[in-house]
Amino acid sequence: MSNDYRIEPAGSQFEDAAKQDIERCEREDRMYETAKQLVDTAIKAHMQMHGVDRETARYCVNSAIGG
């Protein structure tokens, strides 16, 4: 897999590329925040189900998801 990077000349093409990159970053940020919330929910559920402290639950959940 190779990445093709190129520098665009200043102007509308550059602005369009910059806008697309910003939108991509914003989407990734939203996905990351959603994932963090899901992991936090899993940690809280593990704490309640198994009666363990947050650090132990975090370790177990992260181990299960490969983190």
N, C-alpha and C. Protein backbone atom coordinates (compact mmCIF):
# COMPACT_ATOMS: atom_id res chain seq x y z
N MET A 1 0.85 -1.17 0.00
CA MET A 1 0.00 0.00 0.00
C MET A 1 0.89 1.23 0.00
N SER A 2 0.69 2.12 -0.95
CA SER A 2 1.50 3.32 -0.99
C SER A 2 0.59 4.54 -0.89
N ASN A 3 1.10 5.54 -0.25
CA ASN A 3 0.38 6.81 -0.13
C ASN A 3 0.91 7.76 -1.18
N ASP A 4 0.01 8.38 -1.88
CA ASP A 4 0.40 9.37 -2.87
C ASP A 4 0.16 10.75 -2.28
N TYR A 5 1.23 11.43 -1.95
CA TYR A 5 1.13 12.78 -1.42
C TYR A 5 1.61 13.74 -2.48
N ARG A 6 0.94 14.85 -2.52
CA ARG A 6 1.39 15.87 -3.48
C ARG A 6 1.04 17.24 -2.91
N ILE A 7 1.78 18.21 -3.35
CA ILE A 7 1.54 19.59 -2.95
C ILE A 7 0.76 20.26 -4.06
N GLU A 8 -0.36 20.81 -3.69
CA GLU A 8 -1.21 21.49 -4.66
C GLU A 8 -0.84 22.97 -4.69
N PRO A 9 -0.97 23.59 -5.84
CA PRO A 9 -0.73 25.03 -5.89
C PRO A 9 -1.80 25.77 -5.09
N ALA A 10 -1.43 26.95 -4.62
CA ALA A 10 -2.39 27.76 -3.88
C ALA A 10 -3.55 28.12 -4.79
N GLY A 11 -4.71 28.19 -4.23
CA GLY A 11 -5.89 28.49 -5.03
C GLY A 11 -7.03 27.61 -4.60
N SER A 12 -8.04 27.51 -5.43
CA SER A 12 -9.24 26.78 -5.05
C SER A 12 -8.97 25.29 -4.84
N GLN A 13 -8.08 24.70 -5.62
CA GLN A 13 -7.77 23.28 -5.44
C GLN A 13 -7.17 23.04 -4.06
N PHE A 14 -6.28 23.91 -3.64
CA PHE A 14 -5.66 23.78 -2.32
C PHE A 14 -6.71 23.95 -1.23
N GLU A 15 -7.57 24.94 -1.40
CA GLU A 15 -8.61 25.19 -0.39
C GLU A 15 -9.57 24.01 -0.31
N ASP A 16 -9.92 23.43 -1.44
CA ASP A 16 -10.81 22.26 -1.44
C ASP A 16 -10.15 21.08 -0.73
N ALA A 17 -8.87 20.85 -1.01
CA ALA A 17 -8.14 19.75 -0.37
C ALA A 17 -8.05 19.99 1.14
N ALA A 18 -7.77 21.22 1.53
CA ALA A 18 -7.68 21.55 2.95
C ALA A 18 -9.03 21.34 3.63
N LYS A 19 -10.10 21.76 2.98
CA LYS A 19 -11.44 21.60 3.55
C LYS A 19 -11.77 20.12 3.72
N GLN A 20 -11.45 19.31 2.72
CA GLN A 20 -11.71 17.87 2.81
C GLN A 20 -10.90 17.23 3.94
N ASP A 21 -9.66 17.68 4.10
CA ASP A 21 -8.82 17.14 5.16
C ASP A 21 -9.38 17.51 6.53
N ILE A 22 -9.83 18.72 6.69
CA ILE A 22 -10.43 19.17 7.95
C ILE A 22 -11.69 18.37 8.25
N GLU A 23 -12.52 18.16 7.23
CA GLU A 23 -13.74 17.36 7.41
C GLU A 23 -13.41 15.93 7.81
N ARG A 24 -12.37 15.36 7.21
CA ARG A 24 -11.94 14.00 7.55
C ARG A 24 -11.48 13.95 9.00
N CYS A 25 -10.71 14.92 9.42
CA CYS A 25 -10.24 14.97 10.80
C CYS A 25 -11.41 15.10 11.78
N GLU A 26 -12.39 15.91 11.43
CA GLU A 26 -13.56 16.08 12.30
C GLU A 26 -14.33 14.77 12.42
N ARG A 27 -14.48 14.03 11.29
CA ARG A 27 -15.16 12.73 11.34
C ARG A 27 -14.40 11.76 12.22
N GLU A 28 -13.07 11.73 12.07
CA GLU A 28 -12.26 10.84 12.89
C GLU A 28 -12.35 11.20 14.37
N ASP A 29 -12.39 12.49 14.67
CA ASP A 29 -12.54 12.93 16.06
C ASP A 29 -13.87 12.45 16.64
N ARG A 30 -14.94 12.55 15.86
CA ARG A 30 -16.25 12.10 16.34
C ARG A 30 -16.25 10.59 16.56
N MET A 31 -15.62 9.85 15.65
CA MET A 31 -15.55 8.39 15.81
C MET A 31 -14.74 8.04 17.05
N TYR A 32 -13.65 8.75 17.28
CA TYR A 32 -12.80 8.50 18.45
C TYR A 32 -13.57 8.77 19.74
N GLU A 33 -14.30 9.88 19.79
CA GLU A 33 -15.08 10.20 20.98
C GLU A 33 -16.16 9.15 21.23
N THR A 34 -16.80 8.69 20.19
CA THR A 34 -17.81 7.63 20.32
C THR A 34 -17.18 6.36 20.86
N ALA A 35 -16.03 6.00 20.33
CA ALA A 35 -15.33 4.80 20.79
C ALA A 35 -14.94 4.93 22.26
N LYS A 36 -14.45 6.10 22.65
CA LYS A 36 -14.10 6.32 24.05
C LYS A 36 -15.30 6.15 24.96
N GLN A 37 -16.45 6.66 24.54
CA GLN A 37 -17.67 6.52 25.34
C GLN A 37 -18.09 5.05 25.46
N LEU A 38 -17.98 4.30 24.36
CA LEU A 38 -18.34 2.88 24.40
C LEU A 38 -17.41 2.10 25.33
N VAL A 39 -16.12 2.38 25.29
CA VAL A 39 -15.17 1.70 26.16
C VAL A 39 -15.45 2.08 27.61
N ASP A 40 -15.74 3.34 27.88
CA ASP A 40 -16.06 3.77 29.24
C ASP A 40 -17.30 3.05 29.76
N THR A 41 -18.31 2.90 28.91
CA THR A 41 -19.52 2.17 29.30
C THR A 41 -19.20 0.71 29.61
N ALA A 42 -18.35 0.10 28.79
CA ALA A 42 -17.95 -1.29 29.02
C ALA A 42 -17.19 -1.42 30.34
N ILE A 43 -16.33 -0.46 30.64
CA ILE A 43 -15.57 -0.49 31.90
C ILE A 43 -16.52 -0.39 33.09
N LYS A 44 -17.47 0.53 33.02
CA LYS A 44 -18.43 0.68 34.12
C LYS A 44 -19.26 -0.58 34.30
N ALA A 45 -19.68 -1.20 33.21
CA ALA A 45 -20.46 -2.43 33.29
C ALA A 45 -19.63 -3.55 33.90
N HIS A 46 -18.37 -3.64 33.52
CA HIS A 46 -17.48 -4.67 34.05
C HIS A 46 -17.28 -4.47 35.56
N MET A 47 -17.14 -3.22 35.97
CA MET A 47 -17.00 -2.91 37.39
C MET A 47 -18.21 -3.42 38.17
N GLN A 48 -19.39 -3.14 37.65
CA GLN A 48 -20.62 -3.53 38.34
C GLN A 48 -20.81 -5.04 38.34
N MET A 49 -20.59 -5.67 37.21
CA MET A 49 -20.84 -7.12 37.10
C MET A 49 -19.87 -7.93 37.95
N HIS A 50 -18.61 -7.49 38.02
CA HIS A 50 -17.59 -8.30 38.68
C HIS A 50 -17.13 -7.72 40.01
N GLY A 51 -17.65 -6.56 40.38
CA GLY A 51 -17.29 -5.96 41.66
C GLY A 51 -15.82 -5.62 41.78
N VAL A 52 -15.24 -5.13 40.69
CA VAL A 52 -13.82 -4.77 40.71
C VAL A 52 -13.67 -3.26 40.60
N ASP A 53 -12.48 -2.78 40.92
CA ASP A 53 -12.22 -1.35 40.82
C ASP A 53 -12.05 -0.94 39.35
N ARG A 54 -12.07 0.34 39.11
CA ARG A 54 -12.02 0.87 37.74
C ARG A 54 -10.74 0.45 37.00
N GLU A 55 -9.62 0.49 37.68
CA GLU A 55 -8.35 0.15 37.02
C GLU A 55 -8.34 -1.31 36.57
N THR A 56 -8.84 -2.20 37.41
CA THR A 56 -8.90 -3.62 37.04
C THR A 56 -9.87 -3.82 35.87
N ALA A 57 -11.02 -3.17 35.95
CA ALA A 57 -12.01 -3.27 34.88
C ALA A 57 -11.44 -2.72 33.57
N ARG A 58 -10.74 -1.59 33.65
CA ARG A 58 -10.13 -0.98 32.46
C ARG A 58 -9.13 -1.94 31.84
N TYR A 59 -8.31 -2.55 32.68
CA TYR A 59 -7.32 -3.51 32.19
C TYR A 59 -8.00 -4.68 31.48
N CYS A 60 -9.04 -5.22 32.10
CA CYS A 60 -9.74 -6.37 31.51
C CYS A 60 -10.38 -6.01 30.19
N VAL A 61 -11.06 -4.87 30.14
CA VAL A 61 -11.75 -4.45 28.91
C VAL A 61 -10.72 -4.17 27.81
N ASN A 62 -9.66 -3.43 28.16
CA ASN A 62 -8.64 -3.13 27.15
C ASN A 62 -7.95 -4.39 26.66
N SER A 63 -7.74 -5.36 27.54
CA SER A 63 -7.13 -6.62 27.13
C SER A 63 -8.05 -7.36 26.16
N ALA A 64 -9.33 -7.31 26.44
CA ALA A 64 -10.31 -8.02 25.60
C ALA A 64 -10.41 -7.41 24.21
N ILE A 65 -10.21 -6.08 24.11
CA ILE A 65 -10.33 -5.43 22.81
C ILE A 65 -8.99 -5.30 22.11
N GLY A 66 -7.94 -5.81 22.75
CA GLY A 66 -6.62 -5.78 22.12
C GLY A 66 -5.89 -4.47 22.32
N GLY A 67 -6.25 -3.71 23.33
CA GLY A 67 -5.64 -2.41 23.56
C GLY A 67 -4.52 -2.38 24.49
